[in-house]
Amino acid sequence: MNTIKRQNGMSTLGMMMVALAVVFVAVTAMKLWNPYYDDLAVRTALENVAKEGTTVTMGPGEIRQTINKRLQVNQVTLGKDDIQIKKEDGVIKIDIIYERRIPMYGNIDAMVKFNHSATVNARGA
């Protein structure tokens, strides 16, 4: 009498499904990497501008221009409305609020929102 051994392992269809899932996750991660990497440059530029002592003597336009010059090195651009600067009672508050839309698959897009803020105390100047 012939006995059939129990088969172990994954079928070809199962392996293809796992490979498809891995490729989907990898492609998604690669497409979302750039906006998050650019956001790191935005956050660093904002922190550096806030730490500078000359920020307290600058006007809103000069602060915006300084941030954009620092971002230009990393080829990151922000619109005028993305950077909000308020001066009240000796405190300068800089808010950077922007979003990026990334085409993912076909007509499906991903939208990521970023929000950073820094406060500079101008009273000591």
N, C-alpha and C. Protein backbone atom coordinates (compact mmCIF):
# COMPACT_ATOMS: atom_id res chain seq x y z
N MET A 1 0.82 -1.18 0.00
CA MET A 1 0.00 0.00 0.00
C MET A 1 0.87 1.25 0.00
N ASN A 2 0.51 2.19 -0.87
CA ASN A 2 1.24 3.45 -0.99
C ASN A 2 0.68 4.48 -0.01
N THR A 3 1.56 5.08 0.78
CA THR A 3 1.09 6.14 1.68
C THR A 3 1.59 7.48 1.15
N ILE A 4 0.73 8.45 1.18
CA ILE A 4 1.09 9.80 0.73
C ILE A 4 1.63 10.57 1.92
N LYS A 5 2.82 11.11 1.74
CA LYS A 5 3.40 11.91 2.81
C LYS A 5 2.70 13.26 2.87
N ARG A 6 2.64 13.77 4.06
CA ARG A 6 2.02 15.09 4.25
C ARG A 6 2.96 16.16 3.68
N GLN A 7 2.43 17.04 2.87
CA GLN A 7 3.26 18.07 2.26
C GLN A 7 3.43 19.24 3.22
N ASN A 8 4.63 19.77 3.25
CA ASN A 8 4.94 20.95 4.06
C ASN A 8 5.35 22.08 3.15
N GLY A 9 5.15 23.31 3.62
CA GLY A 9 5.59 24.45 2.85
C GLY A 9 4.43 25.25 2.29
N MET A 10 4.79 26.25 1.54
CA MET A 10 3.80 27.17 1.01
C MET A 10 3.61 26.90 -0.47
N SER A 11 2.41 27.05 -0.93
CA SER A 11 2.15 26.85 -2.35
C SER A 11 2.68 28.04 -3.15
N THR A 12 2.75 27.86 -4.43
CA THR A 12 3.21 28.93 -5.30
C THR A 12 2.30 30.15 -5.19
N LEU A 13 1.02 29.92 -5.13
CA LEU A 13 0.07 31.03 -4.99
C LEU A 13 0.28 31.76 -3.67
N GLY A 14 0.52 31.01 -2.61
CA GLY A 14 0.77 31.64 -1.31
C GLY A 14 2.04 32.47 -1.31
N MET A 15 3.08 31.96 -1.95
CA MET A 15 4.34 32.71 -2.04
C MET A 15 4.16 33.99 -2.86
N MET A 16 3.38 33.90 -3.92
CA MET A 16 3.14 35.09 -4.74
C MET A 16 2.37 36.15 -3.96
N MET A 17 1.42 35.74 -3.14
CA MET A 17 0.66 36.69 -2.33
C MET A 17 1.55 37.37 -1.30
N VAL A 18 2.42 36.63 -0.67
CA VAL A 18 3.36 37.22 0.31
C VAL A 18 4.31 38.18 -0.40
N ALA A 19 4.82 37.78 -1.56
CA ALA A 19 5.72 38.66 -2.32
C ALA A 19 5.00 39.94 -2.75
N LEU A 20 3.76 39.81 -3.16
CA LEU A 20 2.98 40.99 -3.56
C LEU A 20 2.78 41.94 -2.38
N ALA A 21 2.49 41.40 -1.21
CA ALA A 21 2.31 42.22 -0.02
C ALA A 21 3.62 42.93 0.36
N VAL A 22 4.74 42.23 0.26
CA VAL A 22 6.04 42.83 0.58
C VAL A 22 6.36 43.94 -0.41
N VAL A 23 6.12 43.73 -1.68
CA VAL A 23 6.38 44.75 -2.70
C VAL A 23 5.48 45.96 -2.48
N PHE A 24 4.22 45.74 -2.15
CA PHE A 24 3.29 46.84 -1.90
C PHE A 24 3.77 47.70 -0.74
N VAL A 25 4.17 47.08 0.35
CA VAL A 25 4.66 47.83 1.52
C VAL A 25 5.95 48.56 1.18
N ALA A 26 6.86 47.94 0.45
CA ALA A 26 8.13 48.57 0.10
C ALA A 26 7.92 49.78 -0.82
N VAL A 27 7.07 49.65 -1.82
CA VAL A 27 6.83 50.78 -2.74
C VAL A 27 6.15 51.94 -2.01
N THR A 28 5.21 51.62 -1.14
CA THR A 28 4.53 52.66 -0.36
C THR A 28 5.53 53.40 0.53
N ALA A 29 6.40 52.66 1.19
CA ALA A 29 7.40 53.29 2.05
C ALA A 29 8.35 54.16 1.25
N MET A 30 8.76 53.72 0.07
CA MET A 30 9.67 54.52 -0.75
C MET A 30 9.01 55.80 -1.23
N LYS A 31 7.74 55.74 -1.57
CA LYS A 31 7.05 56.94 -2.04
C LYS A 31 6.83 57.94 -0.91
N LEU A 32 6.63 57.47 0.31
CA LEU A 32 6.40 58.37 1.44
C LEU A 32 7.69 58.84 2.10
N TRP A 33 8.81 58.30 1.72
CA TRP A 33 10.09 58.67 2.34
C TRP A 33 10.43 60.13 2.06
N ASN A 34 10.31 60.59 0.82
CA ASN A 34 10.73 61.96 0.46
C ASN A 34 10.01 63.05 1.25
N PRO A 35 8.69 63.03 1.38
CA PRO A 35 8.05 64.10 2.15
C PRO A 35 8.51 64.14 3.61
N TYR A 36 8.72 62.98 4.20
CA TYR A 36 9.17 62.96 5.59
C TYR A 36 10.62 63.40 5.72
N TYR A 37 11.44 63.08 4.73
CA TYR A 37 12.83 63.54 4.73
C TYR A 37 12.89 65.05 4.53
N ASP A 38 12.05 65.59 3.64
CA ASP A 38 11.98 67.03 3.45
C ASP A 38 11.48 67.72 4.72
N ASP A 39 10.56 67.09 5.42
CA ASP A 39 10.05 67.66 6.66
C ASP A 39 11.14 67.75 7.72
N LEU A 40 12.06 66.81 7.71
CA LEU A 40 13.20 66.89 8.63
C LEU A 40 14.02 68.14 8.36
N ALA A 41 14.20 68.50 7.09
CA ALA A 41 14.93 69.72 6.73
C ALA A 41 14.15 70.96 7.18
N VAL A 42 12.83 70.94 7.05
CA VAL A 42 12.00 72.07 7.49
C VAL A 42 12.12 72.26 8.99
N ARG A 43 12.00 71.17 9.73
CA ARG A 43 12.08 71.24 11.20
C ARG A 43 13.45 71.74 11.65
N THR A 44 14.52 71.27 11.01
CA THR A 44 15.87 71.70 11.35
C THR A 44 16.07 73.17 11.05
N ALA A 45 15.59 73.63 9.89
CA ALA A 45 15.73 75.04 9.53
C ALA A 45 14.97 75.93 10.52
N LEU A 46 13.78 75.52 10.92
CA LEU A 46 12.99 76.30 11.87
C LEU A 46 13.70 76.37 13.22
N GLU A 47 14.22 75.25 13.69
CA GLU A 47 14.93 75.25 14.97
C GLU A 47 16.16 76.13 14.94
N ASN A 48 16.91 76.08 13.84
CA ASN A 48 18.11 76.90 13.73
C ASN A 48 17.80 78.39 13.66
N VAL A 49 16.76 78.74 12.93
CA VAL A 49 16.37 80.16 12.85
C VAL A 49 15.89 80.65 14.21
N ALA A 50 15.16 79.81 14.93
CA ALA A 50 14.66 80.20 16.25
C ALA A 50 15.80 80.37 17.25
N LYS A 51 16.88 79.61 17.11
CA LYS A 51 18.01 79.70 18.03
C LYS A 51 18.91 80.91 17.75
N GLU A 52 18.86 81.42 16.53
CA GLU A 52 19.72 82.56 16.17
C GLU A 52 19.35 83.79 16.98
N GLY A 53 20.34 84.54 17.37
CA GLY A 53 20.10 85.77 18.10
C GLY A 53 19.59 86.90 17.22
N THR A 54 19.85 86.81 15.92
CA THR A 54 19.45 87.90 15.01
C THR A 54 17.97 87.84 14.64
N THR A 55 17.30 86.76 14.98
CA THR A 55 15.89 86.61 14.63
C THR A 55 15.04 87.69 15.26
N VAL A 56 15.40 88.14 16.46
CA VAL A 56 14.58 89.12 17.17
C VAL A 56 14.59 90.48 16.49
N THR A 57 15.61 90.78 15.69
CA THR A 57 15.67 92.07 15.01
C THR A 57 15.11 92.02 13.60
N MET A 58 14.76 90.84 13.13
CA MET A 58 14.25 90.69 11.77
C MET A 58 12.76 90.93 11.72
N GLY A 59 12.30 91.33 10.56
CA GLY A 59 10.86 91.45 10.32
C GLY A 59 10.33 90.12 9.82
N PRO A 60 9.02 89.99 9.72
CA PRO A 60 8.43 88.73 9.25
C PRO A 60 8.92 88.30 7.86
N GLY A 61 9.07 89.26 6.96
CA GLY A 61 9.54 88.94 5.61
C GLY A 61 10.97 88.42 5.62
N GLU A 62 11.81 89.01 6.48
CA GLU A 62 13.20 88.55 6.56
C GLU A 62 13.30 87.15 7.18
N ILE A 63 12.48 86.87 8.18
CA ILE A 63 12.48 85.55 8.79
C ILE A 63 12.03 84.51 7.77
N ARG A 64 10.98 84.82 7.03
CA ARG A 64 10.47 83.91 6.00
C ARG A 64 11.55 83.66 4.94
N GLN A 65 12.23 84.72 4.54
CA GLN A 65 13.28 84.60 3.52
C GLN A 65 14.46 83.77 4.04
N THR A 66 14.83 83.95 5.30
CA THR A 66 15.92 83.18 5.89
C THR A 66 15.58 81.69 5.93
N ILE A 67 14.36 81.37 6.32
CA ILE A 67 13.93 79.96 6.35
C ILE A 67 13.95 79.37 4.95
N ASN A 68 13.44 80.10 3.97
CA ASN A 68 13.41 79.59 2.59
C ASN A 68 14.81 79.42 2.01
N LYS A 69 15.76 80.30 2.39
CA LYS A 69 17.14 80.14 1.92
C LYS A 69 17.76 78.88 2.48
N ARG A 70 17.48 78.59 3.74
CA ARG A 70 18.01 77.36 4.35
C ARG A 70 17.39 76.13 3.71
N LEU A 71 16.14 76.21 3.33
CA LEU A 71 15.48 75.07 2.71
C LEU A 71 15.89 74.88 1.25
N GLN A 72 16.34 75.95 0.63
CA GLN A 72 16.73 75.89 -0.77
C GLN A 72 17.91 74.94 -0.97
N VAL A 73 18.76 74.80 0.04
CA VAL A 73 19.89 73.89 -0.04
C VAL A 73 19.41 72.45 -0.24
N ASN A 74 18.32 72.09 0.40
CA ASN A 74 17.75 70.74 0.29
C ASN A 74 16.67 70.63 -0.78
N GLN A 75 16.52 71.66 -1.58
CA GLN A 75 15.54 71.72 -2.66
C GLN A 75 14.12 71.53 -2.14
N VAL A 76 13.82 72.17 -1.00
CA VAL A 76 12.48 72.16 -0.42
C VAL A 76 11.91 73.55 -0.58
N THR A 77 10.68 73.65 -1.05
CA THR A 77 10.05 74.95 -1.20
C THR A 77 8.76 74.99 -0.39
N LEU A 78 8.56 76.12 0.25
CA LEU A 78 7.33 76.37 1.00
C LEU A 78 6.68 77.62 0.44
N GLY A 79 5.38 77.64 0.40
CA GLY A 79 4.65 78.81 -0.07
C GLY A 79 4.62 79.90 1.00
N LYS A 80 4.26 81.09 0.58
CA LYS A 80 4.20 82.22 1.50
C LYS A 80 3.19 81.96 2.63
N ASP A 81 2.08 81.31 2.29
CA ASP A 81 1.05 81.05 3.30
C ASP A 81 1.42 79.90 4.24
N ASP A 82 2.44 79.13 3.90
CA ASP A 82 2.84 78.00 4.74
C ASP A 82 3.60 78.46 5.99
N ILE A 83 4.22 79.61 5.93
CA ILE A 83 4.99 80.14 7.07
C ILE A 83 4.22 81.32 7.64
N GLN A 84 3.79 81.20 8.89
CA GLN A 84 3.05 82.26 9.57
C GLN A 84 3.90 82.79 10.72
N ILE A 85 4.07 84.11 10.75
CA ILE A 85 4.90 84.73 11.77
C ILE A 85 4.09 85.80 12.48
N LYS A 86 4.07 85.71 13.82
CA LYS A 86 3.34 86.69 14.63
C LYS A 86 4.28 87.25 15.68
N LYS A 87 4.24 88.58 15.83
CA LYS A 87 5.01 89.25 16.87
C LYS A 87 4.03 89.90 17.83
N GLU A 88 4.05 89.44 19.08
CA GLU A 88 3.17 90.01 20.09
C GLU A 88 3.88 90.06 21.43
N ASP A 89 3.85 91.18 22.09
CA ASP A 89 4.35 91.34 23.45
C ASP A 89 5.76 90.80 23.62
N GLY A 90 6.64 91.10 22.70
CA GLY A 90 8.03 90.68 22.83
C GLY A 90 8.28 89.22 22.52
N VAL A 91 7.32 88.54 21.96
CA VAL A 91 7.47 87.12 21.61
C VAL A 91 7.19 86.96 20.12
N ILE A 92 8.08 86.28 19.44
CA ILE A 92 7.91 85.97 18.02
C ILE A 92 7.51 84.51 17.93
N LYS A 93 6.36 84.25 17.32
CA LYS A 93 5.89 82.87 17.14
C LYS A 93 5.91 82.56 15.65
N ILE A 94 6.65 81.50 15.30
CA ILE A 94 6.78 81.08 13.91
C ILE A 94 6.07 79.73 13.76
N ASP A 95 5.08 79.67 12.90
CA ASP A 95 4.35 78.43 12.62
C ASP A 95 4.56 78.06 11.17
N ILE A 96 4.93 76.81 10.95
CA ILE A 96 5.03 76.29 9.59
C ILE A 96 4.02 75.16 9.48
N ILE A 97 3.00 75.39 8.68
CA ILE A 97 1.92 74.41 8.49
C ILE A 97 1.77 74.19 6.99
N TYR A 98 2.01 72.97 6.56
CA TYR A 98 1.89 72.68 5.13
C TYR A 98 1.52 71.21 4.95
N GLU A 99 1.16 70.90 3.73
CA GLU A 99 0.80 69.52 3.39
C GLU A 99 1.39 69.18 2.03
N ARG A 100 1.62 67.90 1.83
CA ARG A 100 2.13 67.41 0.56
C ARG A 100 1.21 66.29 0.06
N ARG A 101 0.97 66.29 -1.22
CA ARG A 101 0.14 65.26 -1.86
C ARG A 101 1.07 64.41 -2.73
N ILE A 102 1.04 63.11 -2.49
CA ILE A 102 1.93 62.19 -3.18
C ILE A 102 1.09 61.21 -3.99
N PRO A 103 1.32 61.14 -5.33
CA PRO A 103 0.59 60.15 -6.12
C PRO A 103 1.09 58.75 -5.75
N MET A 104 0.16 57.88 -5.42
CA MET A 104 0.54 56.55 -4.96
C MET A 104 0.34 55.50 -6.07
N TYR A 105 -0.89 55.11 -6.30
CA TYR A 105 -1.20 54.06 -7.26
C TYR A 105 -2.39 54.50 -8.10
N GLY A 106 -2.17 54.66 -9.39
CA GLY A 106 -3.26 55.06 -10.28
C GLY A 106 -3.82 56.41 -9.87
N ASN A 107 -5.09 56.44 -9.53
CA ASN A 107 -5.71 57.70 -9.13
C ASN A 107 -5.80 57.84 -7.61
N ILE A 108 -5.00 57.09 -6.88
CA ILE A 108 -4.98 57.16 -5.41
C ILE A 108 -3.78 58.00 -4.98
N ASP A 109 -4.06 59.04 -4.21
CA ASP A 109 -3.01 59.91 -3.68
C ASP A 109 -2.97 59.80 -2.16
N ALA A 110 -1.79 60.05 -1.61
CA ALA A 110 -1.65 60.14 -0.15
C ALA A 110 -1.38 61.61 0.17
N MET A 111 -2.00 62.10 1.22
CA MET A 111 -1.76 63.47 1.65
C MET A 111 -1.21 63.43 3.07
N VAL A 112 -0.05 64.06 3.25
CA VAL A 112 0.56 64.11 4.57
C VAL A 112 0.61 65.57 5.01
N LYS A 113 0.27 65.81 6.27
CA LYS A 113 0.24 67.16 6.82
C LYS A 113 1.35 67.29 7.85
N PHE A 114 1.99 68.46 7.84
CA PHE A 114 3.06 68.75 8.78
C PHE A 114 2.77 70.06 9.49
N ASN A 115 3.14 70.13 10.76
CA ASN A 115 2.89 71.31 11.58
C ASN A 115 4.05 71.47 12.55
N HIS A 116 4.78 72.59 12.43
CA HIS A 116 5.90 72.87 13.33
C HIS A 116 5.76 74.31 13.83
N SER A 117 6.19 74.54 15.04
CA SER A 117 6.16 75.89 15.56
C SER A 117 7.37 76.13 16.46
N ALA A 118 7.76 77.38 16.55
CA ALA A 118 8.87 77.79 17.41
C ALA A 118 8.54 79.15 17.97
N THR A 119 9.01 79.38 19.19
CA THR A 119 8.79 80.66 19.85
C THR A 119 10.14 81.27 20.20
N VAL A 120 10.28 82.56 19.88
CA VAL A 120 11.51 83.28 20.19
C VAL A 120 11.16 84.42 21.13
N ASN A 121 11.82 84.47 22.25
CA ASN A 121 11.58 85.54 23.21
C ASN A 121 12.45 86.74 22.84
N ALA A 122 11.79 87.83 22.43
CA ALA A 122 12.50 89.02 21.98
C ALA A 122 12.70 90.05 23.10
N ARG A 123 12.25 89.77 24.28
CA ARG A 123 12.33 90.74 25.36
C ARG A 123 13.77 90.96 25.84
N GLY A 124 14.57 89.91 25.74
CA GLY A 124 15.94 90.04 26.20
C GLY A 124 16.80 90.87 25.27
N ALA A 125 16.36 91.15 24.07
CA ALA A 125 17.16 91.89 23.10
C ALA A 125 17.03 93.37 23.31
